[in-house]
Every structure is written in structure tokens, then in C-alpha cells.
Amino acid sequence: MKTDITSRADIEQLVVTFYSIIRKDAVLGDIFNNAISDWDHHIPKIVDFWETNLFFKPVYKGKPIKKHIELDADNHHSLEEAHFKHWVAIWQDTVNELFKGEKAELAKYRAGNIANMMYIKVVGSRK
């Protein structure tokens, strides 16, 4: 029986599972694999991001909007709304496969909001 996201270990399971799918994905795999050379170093940062977003623990120190704007520039400003929607769909599927409950629903909701905001900021930054 699936349980809710209740700990950092749960978030880590979600993030590791999710990015193992993303890294093989036909749409997003190359984008992420070209941007992140050391996944073992990067995964804890993503876990920090989600721990801050789901449990309101101020552990994340980073500038995700800036990083995504740089990612878009590195990809010749080719990131489109479809990329962000695809990311959200895989995130939601992964959450649904692993967890059920209030925090799981919050993780899906927040991912959608974050992706929308990232897309708006990325496109708005283009010159």
C-alpha cells in the first residue's frame, strides 16, 4: 500500500526515480543530460529544493530560475511550453506511482505551478 511523502528519504526516492526516467526520456533526456554532468552531486540539491517546497524547511540554497534561463540559452532558446508540460506529466506519474496522500498531492500541485512560472520567466528573459 502506498503512503504519503513524509520524510526527506521519501523525497529522495521520488527525485531519484523521477530523474532516472527523465534521463532516458526521448524529449527531455538530452536536455538534462547535457546540462548536468554530475548527477550524484545534483540530486541532493533537487531534494533540498523539494524538501523546502513540501516541508517548508529552508534547506535549499539556489537560483532555479536563473539556472533554467541559462539552460534555455544553452539550448538556443528552444525550450517550449510542451517541454515543461511533459516534465510535469512525468513528475505526476512518478508521484502517483510511488505515493498517495496530502503531500503527494501538494508535490503534484507545486510542480505544475513551478513549471508554469519557470516557463514564463524563461520565455520572458529571451532577447
C-alpha atoms as a PDB file:
ATOM      1  CA  MET A   1       0.000   0.000   0.000  1.00  0.00           C
ATOM      2  CA  LYS A   2       1.286   3.445  -0.941  1.00  0.00           C
ATOM      3  CA  THR A   3       1.827   6.005   1.775  1.00  0.00           C
ATOM      4  CA  ASP A   4       2.270   9.746   1.686  1.00  0.00           C
ATOM      5  CA  ILE A   5       5.531  11.660   1.371  1.00  0.00           C
ATOM      6  CA  THR A   6       6.594  12.085   4.985  1.00  0.00           C
ATOM      7  CA  SER A   7      10.375  12.476   5.010  1.00  0.00           C
ATOM      8  CA  ARG A   8      13.470  13.602   3.166  1.00  0.00           C
ATOM      9  CA  ALA A   9      14.091   9.927   2.316  1.00  0.00           C
ATOM     10  CA  ASP A  10      10.713   9.823   0.556  1.00  0.00           C
ATOM     11  CA  ILE A  11      11.591  12.953  -1.400  1.00  0.00           C
ATOM     12  CA  GLU A  12      14.925  11.426  -2.346  1.00  0.00           C
ATOM     13  CA  GLN A  13      13.178   8.272  -3.578  1.00  0.00           C
ATOM     14  CA  LEU A  14      10.826  10.412  -5.659  1.00  0.00           C
ATOM     15  CA  VAL A  15      13.586  12.600  -7.115  1.00  0.00           C
ATOM     16  CA  VAL A  16      15.916   9.697  -7.926  1.00  0.00           C
ATOM     17  CA  THR A  17      13.098   7.723  -9.548  1.00  0.00           C
ATOM     18  CA  PHE A  18      11.846  10.750 -11.475  1.00  0.00           C
ATOM     19  CA  TYR A  19      15.227  11.767 -12.853  1.00  0.00           C
ATOM     20  CA  SER A  20      16.091   8.198 -13.803  1.00  0.00           C
ATOM     21  CA  ILE A  21      13.030   8.401 -16.075  1.00  0.00           C
ATOM     22  CA  ILE A  22      13.842  11.927 -17.304  1.00  0.00           C
ATOM     23  CA  ARG A  23      17.415  10.962 -18.194  1.00  0.00           C
ATOM     24  CA  LYS A  24      16.102   8.288 -20.597  1.00  0.00           C
ATOM     25  CA  ASP A  25      13.196  10.337 -21.935  1.00  0.00           C
ATOM     26  CA  ALA A  26      13.156  10.990 -25.685  1.00  0.00           C
ATOM     27  CA  VAL A  27      12.007  14.607 -25.226  1.00  0.00           C
ATOM     28  CA  LEU A  28      13.906  15.732 -22.127  1.00  0.00           C
ATOM     29  CA  GLY A  29      16.781  13.301 -21.712  1.00  0.00           C
ATOM     30  CA  ASP A  30      19.345  15.065 -23.877  1.00  0.00           C
ATOM     31  CA  ILE A  31      18.498  18.473 -22.420  1.00  0.00           C
ATOM     32  CA  PHE A  32      19.037  17.313 -18.838  1.00  0.00           C
ATOM     33  CA  ASN A  33      21.977  15.019 -19.522  1.00  0.00           C
ATOM     34  CA  ASN A  34      23.827  17.761 -21.399  1.00  0.00           C
ATOM     35  CA  ALA A  35      23.178  20.247 -18.588  1.00  0.00           C
ATOM     36  CA  ILE A  36      24.037  18.037 -15.617  1.00  0.00           C
ATOM     37  CA  SER A  37      27.355  16.263 -15.711  1.00  0.00           C
ATOM     38  CA  ASP A  38      27.390  15.050 -12.096  1.00  0.00           C
ATOM     39  CA  TRP A  39      24.014  13.662 -11.113  1.00  0.00           C
ATOM     40  CA  ASP A  40      25.321  12.402  -7.752  1.00  0.00           C
ATOM     41  CA  HIS A  41      26.175  15.996  -6.844  1.00  0.00           C
ATOM     42  CA  HIS A  42      22.989  17.483  -8.317  1.00  0.00           C
ATOM     43  CA  ILE A  43      20.352  15.130  -6.855  1.00  0.00           C
ATOM     44  CA  PRO A  44      20.818  16.346  -3.237  1.00  0.00           C
ATOM     45  CA  LYS A  45      20.235  19.928  -4.426  1.00  0.00           C
ATOM     46  CA  ILE A  46      16.948  18.888  -6.035  1.00  0.00           C
ATOM     47  CA  VAL A  47      15.988  17.008  -2.869  1.00  0.00           C
ATOM     48  CA  ASP A  48      16.744  20.184  -0.885  1.00  0.00           C
ATOM     49  CA  PHE A  49      14.507  22.143  -3.276  1.00  0.00           C
ATOM     50  CA  TRP A  50      11.588  19.764  -2.755  1.00  0.00           C
ATOM     51  CA  GLU A  51      12.138  19.479   0.986  1.00  0.00           C
ATOM     52  CA  THR A  52      11.885  23.264   1.169  1.00  0.00           C
ATOM     53  CA  ASN A  53       8.761  23.260  -1.004  1.00  0.00           C
ATOM     54  CA  LEU A  54       6.941  20.403   0.706  1.00  0.00           C
ATOM     55  CA  PHE A  55       8.051  20.682   4.342  1.00  0.00           C
ATOM     56  CA  PHE A  56       8.956  24.388   4.433  1.00  0.00           C
ATOM     57  CA  LYS A  57      12.445  23.598   5.720  1.00  0.00           C
ATOM     58  CA  PRO A  58      14.823  26.308   4.493  1.00  0.00           C
ATOM     59  CA  VAL A  59      17.470  23.902   3.202  1.00  0.00           C
ATOM     60  CA  TYR A  60      17.521  24.882  -0.474  1.00  0.00           C
ATOM     61  CA  LYS A  61      20.063  27.488  -1.481  1.00  0.00           C
ATOM     62  CA  GLY A  62      19.931  28.148  -5.173  1.00  0.00           C
ATOM     63  CA  LYS A  63      18.557  30.169  -8.049  1.00  0.00           C
ATOM     64  CA  PRO A  64      16.460  27.773 -10.129  1.00  0.00           C
ATOM     65  CA  ILE A  65      15.003  30.449 -12.403  1.00  0.00           C
ATOM     66  CA  LYS A  66      18.476  31.685 -13.335  1.00  0.00           C
ATOM     67  CA  LYS A  67      19.627  28.118 -13.993  1.00  0.00           C
ATOM     68  CA  HIS A  68      16.650  27.416 -16.262  1.00  0.00           C
ATOM     69  CA  ILE A  69      17.190  30.656 -18.178  1.00  0.00           C
ATOM     70  CA  GLU A  70      20.794  29.558 -18.728  1.00  0.00           C
ATOM     71  CA  LEU A  71      19.586  26.091 -19.749  1.00  0.00           C
ATOM     72  CA  ASP A  72      17.297  27.649 -22.342  1.00  0.00           C
ATOM     73  CA  ALA A  73      20.140  29.813 -23.686  1.00  0.00           C
ATOM     74  CA  ASP A  74      22.428  26.766 -23.868  1.00  0.00           C
ATOM     75  CA  ASN A  75      19.714  25.090 -25.951  1.00  0.00           C
ATOM     76  CA  HIS A  76      19.408  28.021 -28.395  1.00  0.00           C
ATOM     77  CA  HIS A  77      16.226  29.278 -26.716  1.00  0.00           C
ATOM     78  CA  SER A  78      14.398  26.163 -27.846  1.00  0.00           C
ATOM     79  CA  LEU A  79      12.567  25.281 -24.630  1.00  0.00           C
ATOM     80  CA  GLU A  80       8.852  25.380 -25.259  1.00  0.00           C
ATOM     81  CA  GLU A  81       5.736  25.070 -23.158  1.00  0.00           C
ATOM     82  CA  ALA A  82       5.475  21.439 -24.286  1.00  0.00           C
ATOM     83  CA  HIS A  83       8.804  20.644 -22.577  1.00  0.00           C
ATOM     84  CA  PHE A  84       7.534  21.977 -19.264  1.00  0.00           C
ATOM     85  CA  LYS A  85       4.185  20.194 -19.603  1.00  0.00           C
ATOM     86  CA  HIS A  86       5.975  16.947 -20.414  1.00  0.00           C
ATOM     87  CA  TRP A  87       8.169  17.374 -17.317  1.00  0.00           C
ATOM     88  CA  VAL A  88       5.053  17.901 -15.182  1.00  0.00           C
ATOM     89  CA  ALA A  89       3.314  14.849 -16.657  1.00  0.00           C
ATOM     90  CA  ILE A  90       6.278  12.610 -15.842  1.00  0.00           C
ATOM     91  CA  TRP A  91       6.513  14.119 -12.334  1.00  0.00           C
ATOM     92  CA  GLN A  92       2.809  13.490 -11.699  1.00  0.00           C
ATOM     93  CA  ASP A  93       3.031   9.916 -12.991  1.00  0.00           C
ATOM     94  CA  THR A  94       6.053   9.266 -10.775  1.00  0.00           C
ATOM     95  CA  VAL A  95       4.372  10.728  -7.697  1.00  0.00           C
ATOM     96  CA  ASN A  96       1.244   8.663  -8.393  1.00  0.00           C
ATOM     97  CA  GLU A  97       3.282   5.503  -8.788  1.00  0.00           C
ATOM     98  CA  LEU A  98       5.141   5.949  -5.504  1.00  0.00           C
ATOM     99  CA  PHE A  99       2.910   7.908  -3.110  1.00  0.00           C
ATOM    100  CA  LYS A 100      -0.621   8.773  -2.129  1.00  0.00           C
ATOM    101  CA  GLY A 101      -1.803  11.463   0.239  1.00  0.00           C
ATOM    102  CA  GLU A 102      -1.794  15.146   1.072  1.00  0.00           C
ATOM    103  CA  LYS A 103       1.921  15.808   0.481  1.00  0.00           C
ATOM    104  CA  ALA A 104       1.836  13.755  -2.718  1.00  0.00           C
ATOM    105  CA  GLU A 105      -0.982  15.955  -3.990  1.00  0.00           C
ATOM    106  CA  LEU A 106       0.936  19.050  -2.894  1.00  0.00           C
ATOM    107  CA  ALA A 107       4.023  17.831  -4.772  1.00  0.00           C
ATOM    108  CA  LYS A 108       1.987  17.489  -7.970  1.00  0.00           C
ATOM    109  CA  TYR A 109       0.290  20.852  -7.498  1.00  0.00           C
ATOM    110  CA  ARG A 110       3.526  22.670  -6.758  1.00  0.00           C
ATOM    111  CA  ALA A 111       5.297  21.047  -9.725  1.00  0.00           C
ATOM    112  CA  GLY A 112       2.630  22.411 -12.060  1.00  0.00           C
ATOM    113  CA  ASN A 113       2.906  25.894 -10.593  1.00  0.00           C
ATOM    114  CA  ILE A 114       6.701  25.827 -10.646  1.00  0.00           C
ATOM    115  CA  ALA A 115       6.791  24.656 -14.259  1.00  0.00           C
ATOM    116  CA  ASN A 116       4.355  27.396 -15.324  1.00  0.00           C
ATOM    117  CA  MET A 117       6.385  30.060 -13.552  1.00  0.00           C
ATOM    118  CA  MET A 118       9.661  28.730 -14.974  1.00  0.00           C
ATOM    119  CA  TYR A 119       8.257  28.750 -18.487  1.00  0.00           C
ATOM    120  CA  ILE A 120       7.018  32.334 -18.137  1.00  0.00           C
ATOM    121  CA  LYS A 121      10.352  33.507 -16.720  1.00  0.00           C
ATOM    122  CA  VAL A 122      12.394  31.616 -19.326  1.00  0.00           C
ATOM    123  CA  VAL A 123      10.424  32.956 -22.280  1.00  0.00           C
ATOM    124  CA  GLY A 124      10.293  36.434 -20.752  1.00  0.00           C
ATOM    125  CA  SER A 125      14.074  36.511 -20.460  1.00  0.00           C
ATOM    126  CA  ARG A 126      14.695  35.934 -24.152  1.00  0.00           C
ATOM    127  CA  LYS A 127      16.111  38.879 -26.074  1.00  0.00           C
END
